[in-house]
């Protein structure tokens, strides 16, 4: 299994990162994709995934998450300001690394104090780079699905991508899938109260789904208040198997294949 979305570079993992990777390998989690969050993180992320002889394979994405866009001092309304500060050029430079398999985490979030229209320029130039480099996107879409869908329909990124931490209706899931975007399935489905999302995931074809933890965030049911970990990916897989009434081995095989396909992983 591959954890297609885990913030494994975050500080919470610093003390036991090597041990966690060894435990992941023993548990059948043989790969972890670490998304980018902001320009100041990209270099250290790439250094982490470039370490030799890791017991569990690591890959990177580079991108600017809307939460960090909102926290930055950049005037995100002005494209020329972004170019002056070199963010777009720095991102393009890192996309040349062999360990970078996607652009993201990027997208739009309607729950922030920073309005969606002020987040749009940063999202748009990441969509442009996805087209220029023919790379898939890892998308964050929260309370802004209409706006994200509008941008995907406008730019039509040929390499597609994944909607991270999908939480929505079957109709919304189908819209994303028609646009070439897989759905990231994580801890949300382990909560019985998440009926809409559980129905949507159960109703989508297995070849549209990826497994993820979003660790250290998105705790599974029964682990509330604890940092999440990629070691809990097998629990997400088992919950998905139960929802779809399929053997666990089939879930593991197909989601692994899906992840390798969308991110062109060797």
C-alpha atoms as a PDB file:
ATOM      1  CA  UNK A   1       0.000   0.000   0.000  1.00  0.00           C
ATOM      2  CA  UNK A   2       1.035   3.594  -0.617  1.00  0.00           C
ATOM      3  CA  UNK A   3      -0.011   6.487   1.608  1.00  0.00           C
ATOM      4  CA  UNK A   4      -0.778   9.001  -1.142  1.00  0.00           C
ATOM      5  CA  UNK A   5      -0.935  11.989   1.210  1.00  0.00           C
ATOM      6  CA  UNK A   6       1.046  12.238   4.453  1.00  0.00           C
ATOM      7  CA  UNK A   7       2.796  15.302   5.891  1.00  0.00           C
ATOM      8  CA  UNK A   8       5.666  13.125   7.075  1.00  0.00           C
ATOM      9  CA  UNK A   9       8.084  16.038   7.154  1.00  0.00           C
ATOM     10  CA  UNK A  10       6.150  17.792   9.933  1.00  0.00           C
ATOM     11  CA  UNK A  11       7.863  18.302  13.284  1.00  0.00           C
ATOM     12  CA  UNK A  12       5.664  15.774  15.102  1.00  0.00           C
ATOM     13  CA  UNK A  13       7.523  12.975  13.282  1.00  0.00           C
ATOM     14  CA  UNK A  14      11.058  14.275  13.946  1.00  0.00           C
ATOM     15  CA  UNK A  15      11.912  12.131  16.959  1.00  0.00           C
ATOM     16  CA  UNK A  16      10.742   8.777  15.577  1.00  0.00           C
ATOM     17  CA  UNK A  17      10.785   9.168  11.797  1.00  0.00           C
ATOM     18  CA  UNK A  18      13.207   6.320  11.035  1.00  0.00           C
ATOM     19  CA  UNK A  19      11.425   3.929  13.376  1.00  0.00           C
ATOM     20  CA  UNK A  20       8.044   4.849  11.873  1.00  0.00           C
ATOM     21  CA  UNK A  21       9.328   4.110   8.366  1.00  0.00           C
ATOM     22  CA  UNK A  22      10.574   0.707   9.503  1.00  0.00           C
ATOM     23  CA  UNK A  23       7.200  -0.019  11.088  1.00  0.00           C
ATOM     24  CA  UNK A  24       5.433   1.125   7.911  1.00  0.00           C
ATOM     25  CA  UNK A  25       7.440  -1.303   5.809  1.00  0.00           C
ATOM     26  CA  UNK A  26       6.623  -4.123   8.228  1.00  0.00           C
ATOM     27  CA  UNK A  27       2.908  -3.229   8.079  1.00  0.00           C
ATOM     28  CA  UNK A  28       2.790  -3.292   4.273  1.00  0.00           C
ATOM     29  CA  UNK A  29       2.930   0.478   3.767  1.00  0.00           C
ATOM     30  CA  UNK A  30       5.842   0.517   1.362  1.00  0.00           C
ATOM     31  CA  UNK A  31       5.558   4.079   0.112  1.00  0.00           C
ATOM     32  CA  UNK A  32       4.593   7.566   1.311  1.00  0.00           C
ATOM     33  CA  UNK A  33       3.927  10.659  -0.807  1.00  0.00           C
ATOM     34  CA  UNK A  34       4.655  13.894   1.050  1.00  0.00           C
ATOM     35  CA  UNK A  35       2.887  17.003  -0.290  1.00  0.00           C
ATOM     36  CA  UNK A  36       4.341  20.475  -0.269  1.00  0.00           C
ATOM     37  CA  UNK A  37       2.757  23.244   1.772  1.00  0.00           C
ATOM     38  CA  UNK A  38       4.723  26.476   1.193  1.00  0.00           C
ATOM     39  CA  UNK A  39       7.891  27.761  -0.512  1.00  0.00           C
ATOM     40  CA  UNK A  40       9.952  27.744   2.687  1.00  0.00           C
ATOM     41  CA  UNK A  41       9.394  23.999   3.087  1.00  0.00           C
ATOM     42  CA  UNK A  42      10.271  22.754  -0.392  1.00  0.00           C
ATOM     43  CA  UNK A  43      14.062  22.416  -0.019  1.00  0.00           C
ATOM     44  CA  UNK A  44      13.918  20.517   3.285  1.00  0.00           C
ATOM     45  CA  UNK A  45      11.185  18.247   1.919  1.00  0.00           C
ATOM     46  CA  UNK A  46      13.297  17.315  -1.091  1.00  0.00           C
ATOM     47  CA  UNK A  47      16.278  16.653   1.176  1.00  0.00           C
ATOM     48  CA  UNK A  48      14.145  14.278   3.252  1.00  0.00           C
ATOM     49  CA  UNK A  49      12.919  12.193   0.323  1.00  0.00           C
ATOM     50  CA  UNK A  50      16.428  12.066  -1.173  1.00  0.00           C
ATOM     51  CA  UNK A  51      17.887  10.165   1.796  1.00  0.00           C
ATOM     52  CA  UNK A  52      19.398   6.844   0.701  1.00  0.00           C
ATOM     53  CA  UNK A  53      18.489   3.347   1.894  1.00  0.00           C
ATOM     54  CA  UNK A  54      15.119   4.228   3.450  1.00  0.00           C
ATOM     55  CA  UNK A  55      13.029   1.209   4.513  1.00  0.00           C
ATOM     56  CA  UNK A  56       9.952   2.813   2.963  1.00  0.00           C
ATOM     57  CA  UNK A  57       9.991   4.709  -0.340  1.00  0.00           C
ATOM     58  CA  UNK A  58       9.316   8.454  -0.129  1.00  0.00           C
ATOM     59  CA  UNK A  59       8.153  10.769  -2.919  1.00  0.00           C
ATOM     60  CA  UNK A  60       7.476  14.513  -2.876  1.00  0.00           C
ATOM     61  CA  UNK A  61       5.057  17.002  -4.330  1.00  0.00           C
ATOM     62  CA  UNK A  62       5.758  20.724  -4.247  1.00  0.00           C
ATOM     63  CA  UNK A  63       3.044  23.306  -3.950  1.00  0.00           C
ATOM     64  CA  UNK A  64       1.591  26.187  -1.965  1.00  0.00           C
ATOM     65  CA  UNK A  65      -1.322  25.201   0.263  1.00  0.00           C
ATOM     66  CA  UNK A  66      -4.104  27.809   0.618  1.00  0.00           C
ATOM     67  CA  UNK A  67      -3.665  27.868   4.414  1.00  0.00           C
ATOM     68  CA  UNK A  68      -0.085  29.055   3.981  1.00  0.00           C
ATOM     69  CA  UNK A  69      -1.108  31.442   1.227  1.00  0.00           C
ATOM     70  CA  UNK A  70      -3.480  33.018   3.722  1.00  0.00           C
ATOM     71  CA  UNK A  71      -0.727  33.234   6.354  1.00  0.00           C
ATOM     72  CA  UNK A  72       1.883  34.686   4.037  1.00  0.00           C
ATOM     73  CA  UNK A  73       2.694  38.357   3.769  1.00  0.00           C
ATOM     74  CA  UNK A  74       2.575  38.237  -0.024  1.00  0.00           C
ATOM     75  CA  UNK A  75      -0.052  40.281  -1.762  1.00  0.00           C
ATOM     76  CA  UNK A  76      -1.718  37.308  -3.451  1.00  0.00           C
ATOM     77  CA  UNK A  77      -3.920  39.586  -5.513  1.00  0.00           C
ATOM     78  CA  UNK A  78      -0.988  40.704  -7.632  1.00  0.00           C
ATOM     79  CA  UNK A  79       0.595  38.262 -10.066  1.00  0.00           C
ATOM     80  CA  UNK A  80       3.528  40.621 -10.607  1.00  0.00           C
ATOM     81  CA  UNK A  81       4.213  40.624  -6.861  1.00  0.00           C
ATOM     82  CA  UNK A  82       4.426  36.834  -6.869  1.00  0.00           C
ATOM     83  CA  UNK A  83       6.806  36.909  -9.809  1.00  0.00           C
ATOM     84  CA  UNK A  84       8.938  39.593  -8.162  1.00  0.00           C
ATOM     85  CA  UNK A  85       9.407  37.376  -5.138  1.00  0.00           C
ATOM     86  CA  UNK A  86      10.294  34.394  -7.295  1.00  0.00           C
ATOM     87  CA  UNK A  87       7.740  31.937  -5.956  1.00  0.00           C
ATOM     88  CA  UNK A  88       6.629  30.729  -9.361  1.00  0.00           C
ATOM     89  CA  UNK A  89      10.203  30.415 -10.587  1.00  0.00           C
ATOM     90  CA  UNK A  90      11.285  28.545  -7.445  1.00  0.00           C
ATOM     91  CA  UNK A  91       8.415  26.093  -7.817  1.00  0.00           C
ATOM     92  CA  UNK A  92       9.277  25.512 -11.476  1.00  0.00           C
ATOM     93  CA  UNK A  93      12.908  24.881 -10.487  1.00  0.00           C
ATOM     94  CA  UNK A  94      11.948  22.191  -7.943  1.00  0.00           C
ATOM     95  CA  UNK A  95       9.655  20.485 -10.434  1.00  0.00           C
ATOM     96  CA  UNK A  96      12.790  19.336 -12.242  1.00  0.00           C
ATOM     97  CA  UNK A  97      13.732  17.025  -9.359  1.00  0.00           C
ATOM     98  CA  UNK A  98      13.324  13.310 -10.088  1.00  0.00           C
ATOM     99  CA  UNK A  99      11.696  12.764  -6.681  1.00  0.00           C
ATOM    100  CA  UNK A 100       8.894  15.290  -7.387  1.00  0.00           C
ATOM    101  CA  UNK A 101       5.873  13.471  -8.789  1.00  0.00           C
ATOM    102  CA  UNK A 102       3.121  16.108  -8.475  1.00  0.00           C
ATOM    103  CA  UNK A 103       2.230  19.741  -7.863  1.00  0.00           C
ATOM    104  CA  UNK A 104       0.493  20.380  -4.567  1.00  0.00           C
ATOM    105  CA  UNK A 105      -0.922  20.557  -2.092  1.00  0.00           C
ATOM    106  CA  UNK A 106      -2.721  23.467  -3.679  1.00  0.00           C
ATOM    107  CA  UNK A 107      -6.289  24.601  -4.146  1.00  0.00           C
ATOM    108  CA  UNK A 108      -8.954  26.792  -2.575  1.00  0.00           C
ATOM    109  CA  UNK A 109     -10.471  26.975   0.900  1.00  0.00           C
ATOM    110  CA  UNK A 110     -13.666  28.893   1.543  1.00  0.00           C
ATOM    111  CA  UNK A 111     -13.385  28.633   5.325  1.00  0.00           C
ATOM    112  CA  UNK A 112     -10.418  31.016   5.617  1.00  0.00           C
ATOM    113  CA  UNK A 113     -10.425  34.719   6.418  1.00  0.00           C
ATOM    114  CA  UNK A 114      -8.623  35.271   3.119  1.00  0.00           C
ATOM    115  CA  UNK A 115     -11.381  35.291   0.455  1.00  0.00           C
ATOM    116  CA  UNK A 116     -11.264  32.679  -2.288  1.00  0.00           C
ATOM    117  CA  UNK A 117     -10.785  35.316  -4.976  1.00  0.00           C
ATOM    118  CA  UNK A 118      -7.560  36.395  -3.265  1.00  0.00           C
ATOM    119  CA  UNK A 119      -6.355  32.783  -3.165  1.00  0.00           C
ATOM    120  CA  UNK A 120      -7.036  32.335  -6.879  1.00  0.00           C
ATOM    121  CA  UNK A 121      -3.805  33.786  -8.378  1.00  0.00           C
ATOM    122  CA  UNK A 122      -1.599  31.320  -6.479  1.00  0.00           C
ATOM    123  CA  UNK A 123      -3.871  28.433  -7.470  1.00  0.00           C
ATOM    124  CA  UNK A 124      -3.983  29.544 -11.095  1.00  0.00           C
ATOM    125  CA  UNK A 125      -0.234  29.674 -11.594  1.00  0.00           C
ATOM    126  CA  UNK A 126       0.094  26.214 -10.067  1.00  0.00           C
ATOM    127  CA  UNK A 127      -2.486  24.995 -12.582  1.00  0.00           C
ATOM    128  CA  UNK A 128      -0.428  26.638 -15.316  1.00  0.00           C
ATOM    129  CA  UNK A 129       2.725  24.859 -14.149  1.00  0.00           C
ATOM    130  CA  UNK A 130       0.869  21.544 -14.001  1.00  0.00           C
ATOM    131  CA  UNK A 131       0.082  22.037 -17.678  1.00  0.00           C
ATOM    132  CA  UNK A 132       3.613  23.155 -18.557  1.00  0.00           C
ATOM    133  CA  UNK A 133       5.268  20.205 -16.791  1.00  0.00           C
ATOM    134  CA  UNK A 134       2.477  17.692 -17.487  1.00  0.00           C
ATOM    135  CA  UNK A 135       2.328  16.771 -13.792  1.00  0.00           C
ATOM    136  CA  UNK A 136      -0.711  15.686 -11.749  1.00  0.00           C
ATOM    137  CA  UNK A 137      -2.127  17.934  -9.039  1.00  0.00           C
ATOM    138  CA  UNK A 138      -2.841  17.239  -5.376  1.00  0.00           C
ATOM    139  CA  UNK A 139      -5.831  19.448  -4.651  1.00  0.00           C
ATOM    140  CA  UNK A 140      -7.235  20.862  -1.437  1.00  0.00           C
ATOM    141  CA  UNK A 141     -10.890  21.794  -1.932  1.00  0.00           C
ATOM    142  CA  UNK A 142     -12.823  22.866   1.154  1.00  0.00           C
ATOM    143  CA  UNK A 143     -16.048  24.858   0.981  1.00  0.00           C
ATOM    144  CA  UNK A 144     -14.960  25.951  -2.490  1.00  0.00           C
ATOM    145  CA  UNK A 145     -15.844  23.014  -4.732  1.00  0.00           C
ATOM    146  CA  UNK A 146     -17.693  25.145  -7.294  1.00  0.00           C
ATOM    147  CA  UNK A 147     -14.707  27.452  -7.671  1.00  0.00           C
ATOM    148  CA  UNK A 148     -12.259  24.537  -7.924  1.00  0.00           C
ATOM    149  CA  UNK A 149     -14.421  22.811 -10.530  1.00  0.00           C
ATOM    150  CA  UNK A 150     -14.599  26.066 -12.519  1.00  0.00           C
ATOM    151  CA  UNK A 151     -10.815  26.322 -12.580  1.00  0.00           C
ATOM    152  CA  UNK A 152     -10.370  22.674 -13.567  1.00  0.00           C
ATOM    153  CA  UNK A 153     -12.872  23.102 -16.381  1.00  0.00           C
ATOM    154  CA  UNK A 154     -11.037  26.238 -17.477  1.00  0.00           C
ATOM    155  CA  UNK A 155      -7.469  24.870 -17.396  1.00  0.00           C
ATOM    156  CA  UNK A 156      -8.285  21.205 -18.163  1.00  0.00           C
ATOM    157  CA  UNK A 157      -5.057  19.793 -16.646  1.00  0.00           C
ATOM    158  CA  UNK A 158      -4.185  16.841 -18.871  1.00  0.00           C
ATOM    159  CA  UNK A 159      -2.333  14.880 -16.181  1.00  0.00           C
ATOM    160  CA  UNK A 160      -5.297  15.026 -13.785  1.00  0.00           C
ATOM    161  CA  UNK A 161      -4.593  14.465 -10.123  1.00  0.00           C
ATOM    162  CA  UNK A 162      -6.329  13.720  -6.843  1.00  0.00           C
ATOM    163  CA  UNK A 163      -8.868  15.503  -4.661  1.00  0.00           C
ATOM    164  CA  UNK A 164      -7.220  15.103  -1.290  1.00  0.00           C
ATOM    165  CA  UNK A 165      -9.382  14.074   1.669  1.00  0.00           C
ATOM    166  CA  UNK A 166     -12.534  13.897  -0.394  1.00  0.00           C
ATOM    167  CA  UNK A 167     -15.642  14.626   1.646  1.00  0.00           C
ATOM    168  CA  UNK A 168     -18.780  15.139  -0.365  1.00  0.00           C
ATOM    169  CA  UNK A 169     -21.631  13.642  -2.326  1.00  0.00           C
ATOM    170  CA  UNK A 170     -21.610  10.949  -4.991  1.00  0.00           C
ATOM    171  CA  UNK A 171     -22.553  13.578  -7.599  1.00  0.00           C
ATOM    172  CA  UNK A 172     -19.552  15.730  -6.641  1.00  0.00           C
ATOM    173  CA  UNK A 173     -17.258  12.706  -6.703  1.00  0.00           C
ATOM    174  CA  UNK A 174     -18.457  11.827 -10.190  1.00  0.00           C
ATOM    175  CA  UNK A 175     -17.832  15.389 -11.398  1.00  0.00           C
ATOM    176  CA  UNK A 176     -14.210  15.238 -10.278  1.00  0.00           C
ATOM    177  CA  UNK A 177     -13.719  11.757 -11.726  1.00  0.00           C
ATOM    178  CA  UNK A 178     -15.036  12.896 -15.115  1.00  0.00           C
ATOM    179  CA  UNK A 179     -12.397  15.651 -15.073  1.00  0.00           C
ATOM    180  CA  UNK A 180      -9.632  13.083 -14.510  1.00  0.00           C
ATOM    181  CA  UNK A 181      -9.271  13.433 -10.738  1.00  0.00           C
ATOM    182  CA  UNK A 182      -9.029  10.514  -8.350  1.00  0.00           C
ATOM    183  CA  UNK A 183     -10.484  10.737  -4.856  1.00  0.00           C
ATOM    184  CA  UNK A 184      -8.262  10.571  -1.778  1.00  0.00           C
ATOM    185  CA  UNK A 185      -9.869   8.273   0.805  1.00  0.00           C
ATOM    186  CA  UNK A 186      -8.788   8.785   4.404  1.00  0.00           C
ATOM    187  CA  UNK A 187      -9.977   8.770   7.979  1.00  0.00           C
ATOM    188  CA  UNK A 188     -13.325  10.440   7.222  1.00  0.00           C
ATOM    189  CA  UNK A 189     -14.825   7.144   6.060  1.00  0.00           C
ATOM    190  CA  UNK A 190     -14.097   5.535   9.454  1.00  0.00           C
ATOM    191  CA  UNK A 191     -16.799   7.700  11.070  1.00  0.00           C
ATOM    192  CA  UNK A 192     -20.278   6.257  10.747  1.00  0.00           C
ATOM    193  CA  UNK A 193     -21.753   9.755  11.003  1.00  0.00           C
ATOM    194  CA  UNK A 194     -20.042  10.686   7.698  1.00  0.00           C
ATOM    195  CA  UNK A 195     -22.900   9.037   5.842  1.00  0.00           C
ATOM    196  CA  UNK A 196     -22.783  11.212   2.705  1.00  0.00           C
ATOM    197  CA  UNK A 197     -19.080  10.634   2.136  1.00  0.00           C
ATOM    198  CA  UNK A 198     -19.302   6.925   2.944  1.00  0.00           C
ATOM    199  CA  UNK A 199     -22.151   6.530   0.416  1.00  0.00           C
ATOM    200  CA  UNK A 200     -20.190   8.444  -2.206  1.00  0.00           C
ATOM    201  CA  UNK A 201     -17.048   6.361  -1.767  1.00  0.00           C
ATOM    202  CA  UNK A 202     -19.047   3.133  -1.749  1.00  0.00           C
ATOM    203  CA  UNK A 203     -20.717   4.209  -4.993  1.00  0.00           C
ATOM    204  CA  UNK A 204     -17.557   5.145  -6.897  1.00  0.00           C
ATOM    205  CA  UNK A 205     -15.546   2.609  -8.914  1.00  0.00           C
ATOM    206  CA  UNK A 206     -12.546   1.235  -7.078  1.00  0.00           C
ATOM    207  CA  UNK A 207     -10.263   2.409  -9.877  1.00  0.00           C
ATOM    208  CA  UNK A 208     -11.103   6.024  -8.941  1.00  0.00           C
ATOM    209  CA  UNK A 209      -9.807   5.798  -5.355  1.00  0.00           C
ATOM    210  CA  UNK A 210      -6.478   6.343  -3.560  1.00  0.00           C
ATOM    211  CA  UNK A 211      -5.645   5.617   0.089  1.00  0.00           C
ATOM    212  CA  UNK A 212      -4.276   8.375   2.318  1.00  0.00           C
ATOM    213  CA  UNK A 213      -3.908   9.342   5.970  1.00  0.00           C
ATOM    214  CA  UNK A 214      -3.150  13.106   5.870  1.00  0.00           C
ATOM    215  CA  UNK A 215      -1.058  12.354   8.963  1.00  0.00           C
ATOM    216  CA  UNK A 216      -0.567  13.909  11.422  1.00  0.00           C
ATOM    217  CA  UNK A 217      -4.061  15.290  10.696  1.00  0.00           C
ATOM    218  CA  UNK A 218      -7.400  13.599   9.891  1.00  0.00           C
ATOM    219  CA  UNK A 219      -7.468  11.134  12.830  1.00  0.00           C
ATOM    220  CA  UNK A 220      -9.412   7.923  12.386  1.00  0.00           C
ATOM    221  CA  UNK A 221     -12.445   7.067  14.489  1.00  0.00           C
ATOM    222  CA  UNK A 222     -11.227   5.762  17.824  1.00  0.00           C
ATOM    223  CA  UNK A 223      -8.023   7.812  17.664  1.00  0.00           C
ATOM    224  CA  UNK A 224      -9.451  11.306  18.164  1.00  0.00           C
ATOM    225  CA  UNK A 225      -7.052  13.673  19.903  1.00  0.00           C
ATOM    226  CA  UNK A 226      -3.995  11.676  18.817  1.00  0.00           C
ATOM    227  CA  UNK A 227      -1.578  12.591  16.008  1.00  0.00           C
ATOM    228  CA  UNK A 228      -2.372  10.494  12.963  1.00  0.00           C
ATOM    229  CA  UNK A 229       0.314   8.267  11.445  1.00  0.00           C
ATOM    230  CA  UNK A 230       0.877   6.435   8.153  1.00  0.00           C
ATOM    231  CA  UNK A 231       0.841   3.248  10.239  1.00  0.00           C
ATOM    232  CA  UNK A 232      -2.956   3.554  10.288  1.00  0.00           C
ATOM    233  CA  UNK A 233      -3.275   3.297   6.505  1.00  0.00           C
ATOM    234  CA  UNK A 234      -4.188  -0.432   6.786  1.00  0.00           C
ATOM    235  CA  UNK A 235      -7.189   0.577   8.919  1.00  0.00           C
ATOM    236  CA  UNK A 236      -8.382   2.949   6.177  1.00  0.00           C
ATOM    237  CA  UNK A 237      -7.971   0.126   3.657  1.00  0.00           C
ATOM    238  CA  UNK A 238      -9.989  -2.257   5.814  1.00  0.00           C
ATOM    239  CA  UNK A 239     -12.776   0.290   6.267  1.00  0.00           C
ATOM    240  CA  UNK A 240     -12.881   0.825   2.494  1.00  0.00           C
ATOM    241  CA  UNK A 241     -13.060  -2.947   1.973  1.00  0.00           C
ATOM    242  CA  UNK A 242     -15.997  -3.123   4.391  1.00  0.00           C
ATOM    243  CA  UNK A 243     -17.797  -0.219   2.678  1.00  0.00           C
ATOM    244  CA  UNK A 244     -17.391  -1.713  -0.772  1.00  0.00           C
ATOM    245  CA  UNK A 245     -17.912  -5.309   0.394  1.00  0.00           C
ATOM    246  CA  UNK A 246     -14.719  -6.409  -1.324  1.00  0.00           C
ATOM    247  CA  UNK A 247     -11.728  -8.463  -0.128  1.00  0.00           C
ATOM    248  CA  UNK A 248      -9.006  -6.406   1.536  1.00  0.00           C
ATOM    249  CA  UNK A 249      -6.444  -7.816  -0.889  1.00  0.00           C
ATOM    250  CA  UNK A 250      -8.417  -6.413  -3.833  1.00  0.00           C
ATOM    251  CA  UNK A 251      -8.585  -2.981  -2.179  1.00  0.00           C
ATOM    252  CA  UNK A 252      -4.847  -3.015  -1.534  1.00  0.00           C
ATOM    253  CA  UNK A 253      -3.926  -4.146  -5.038  1.00  0.00           C
ATOM    254  CA  UNK A 254      -6.176  -1.745  -6.955  1.00  0.00           C
ATOM    255  CA  UNK A 255      -5.499   1.374  -4.867  1.00  0.00           C
ATOM    256  CA  UNK A 256      -1.763   0.696  -5.101  1.00  0.00           C
ATOM    257  CA  UNK A 257      -2.101   0.413  -8.867  1.00  0.00           C
ATOM    258  CA  UNK A 258      -4.172   3.617  -9.009  1.00  0.00           C
ATOM    259  CA  UNK A 259      -1.577   5.563  -7.029  1.00  0.00           C
ATOM    260  CA  UNK A 260       1.299   4.327  -9.130  1.00  0.00           C
ATOM    261  CA  UNK A 261      -0.611   5.171 -12.302  1.00  0.00           C
ATOM    262  CA  UNK A 262      -1.651   8.741 -11.518  1.00  0.00           C
ATOM    263  CA  UNK A 263       1.767   9.714 -10.101  1.00  0.00           C
ATOM    264  CA  UNK A 264       3.813   7.616 -12.569  1.00  0.00           C
ATOM    265  CA  UNK A 265       5.623   5.863  -9.715  1.00  0.00           C
ATOM    266  CA  UNK A 266       8.180   3.173 -10.435  1.00  0.00           C
END
